[in-house]
Protein backbone atom coordinates (compact mmCIF):
# COMPACT_ATOMS: atom_id res chain seq x y z
CA MET A 1 123.33 67.74 67.60
CA GLU A 2 121.52 70.35 65.41
CA ARG A 3 122.11 74.07 65.70
CA GLN A 4 118.65 74.66 67.01
CA GLU A 5 119.31 71.97 69.80
CA TYR A 6 122.45 73.78 70.84
CA GLU A 7 120.73 77.16 70.93
CA THR A 8 117.90 75.80 72.87
CA GLU A 9 120.15 74.13 75.51
CA LEU A 10 122.40 77.18 75.74
CA LYS A 11 119.39 79.35 76.41
CA ARG A 12 118.14 76.95 78.99
CA LEU A 13 121.55 77.04 80.82
CA LYS A 14 121.81 80.84 80.75
CA ASP A 15 118.30 81.13 82.06
CA GLU A 16 119.15 78.57 84.88
CA PHE A 17 122.27 80.43 85.62
CA TYR A 18 120.41 83.73 85.86
CA LEU A 19 117.89 82.48 88.20
CA LYS A 20 120.45 80.75 90.40
CA THR A 21 122.51 83.93 90.55
CA LYS A 22 119.42 86.01 91.58
CA SER A 23 118.69 83.56 94.21
CA LEU A 24 122.17 83.68 95.61
CA GLN A 25 122.23 87.41 95.56
CA THR A 26 118.89 87.67 97.44
CA ARG A 27 119.90 85.14 100.07
CA PHE A 28 123.35 86.87 100.53
CA GLY A 29 121.84 90.42 100.68
CA LEU A 30 119.13 89.39 103.12
CA SER A 31 121.56 87.61 105.35
CA GLN A 32 123.49 91.00 105.79
CA ALA A 33 120.39 92.66 107.20
CA ILE A 34 120.85 93.72 110.93
CA PHE A 35 117.48 95.23 111.20
CA LYS A 36 114.07 93.65 111.03
CA VAL A 37 110.70 94.66 109.75
CA ASP A 38 108.81 96.99 112.22
CA GLU A 39 111.93 98.17 113.81
CA ILE A 40 112.59 101.94 113.67
CA ILE A 41 115.98 103.06 112.33
CA ARG A 42 117.60 106.40 111.40
CA CYS A 43 120.28 106.99 108.68
CA GLU A 44 122.70 109.29 110.09
CA ARG A 45 123.88 110.35 106.58
CA THR A 46 120.48 111.64 105.36
CA ASP A 47 119.06 112.19 109.05
CA THR A 48 115.95 110.24 107.96
CA THR A 49 113.91 108.00 110.43
CA ILE A 50 111.88 105.22 109.08
CA LYS A 51 109.84 102.30 110.36
CA VAL A 52 110.98 99.33 108.30
CA GLY A 53 108.13 98.00 106.23
CA ALA A 54 110.23 95.66 103.91
CA ILE A 55 113.74 94.57 103.32
CA LYS A 56 115.00 94.30 99.69
CA VAL A 57 118.33 93.69 98.05
CA TYR A 58 120.49 96.03 96.17
CA ILE A 59 123.47 95.05 93.99
CA GLY A 60 126.18 97.83 94.57
CA MET A 61 128.76 99.07 92.13
CA ASP A 62 131.19 96.55 93.48
CA GLY A 63 128.75 93.74 92.49
CA ILE A 64 128.15 92.77 96.23
CA PRO A 65 124.52 92.40 97.35
CA SER A 66 123.36 94.46 100.42
CA PRO A 67 120.09 95.04 102.20
CA VAL A 68 117.79 98.02 101.54
CA TYR A 69 115.37 98.98 104.27
CA TRP A 70 112.21 100.55 103.00
CA GLY A 71 109.56 102.16 105.06
CA TYR A 72 107.45 105.18 105.91
CA VAL A 73 109.28 108.36 106.92
CA LEU A 74 108.66 109.30 110.71
CA LYS A 75 108.59 112.74 112.39
CA LYS A 76 110.71 113.58 115.43
CA ASP A 77 108.00 112.13 117.65
CA LEU A 78 108.29 108.88 115.72
CA THR A 79 104.76 109.03 114.12
CA PRO A 80 104.40 108.72 110.44
CA LYS A 81 104.18 111.81 108.35
CA LYS A 82 100.64 112.78 107.14
CA ASN A 83 101.74 112.66 103.54
CA GLY A 84 102.68 109.04 103.70
CA GLU A 85 106.32 109.73 102.38
CA THR A 86 108.40 106.61 102.11
CA HIS A 87 112.24 106.29 102.01
CA SER A 88 114.79 103.61 101.47
CA ILE A 89 118.03 103.31 103.42
CA PHE A 90 120.74 101.35 101.69
CA GLY A 91 123.12 99.08 103.64
CA ASN A 92 124.08 99.02 107.31
CA ASP A 93 126.56 101.79 107.25
CA GLN A 94 125.73 104.97 109.46
CA VAL A 95 122.39 103.38 110.44
CA ILE A 96 121.18 103.13 114.00
CA LYS A 97 118.32 101.34 115.73
CA ILE A 98 115.95 103.82 117.47
CA GLN A 99 113.49 101.17 118.82
């Protein structure tokens, strides 16, 4: 085996490992989501209410993937703010479902 063959194969393996790792992290993070798109949730830490528009995955400091709920910020009457402000709520701790 030549050095170039070795380096090519090693790069291929590293790329494959990276892709499989990202896939596993995404699957795990999304499996932890307890809310769904179009649900209205409130974060008690920040007192922010959003209508979930998307669920993404965040890798925390501990390396464990968790869900991130993204959506438009709602006013007290549960209508969207006129300025179109968005907010992300990380994880499931201190988050409650409103509707």
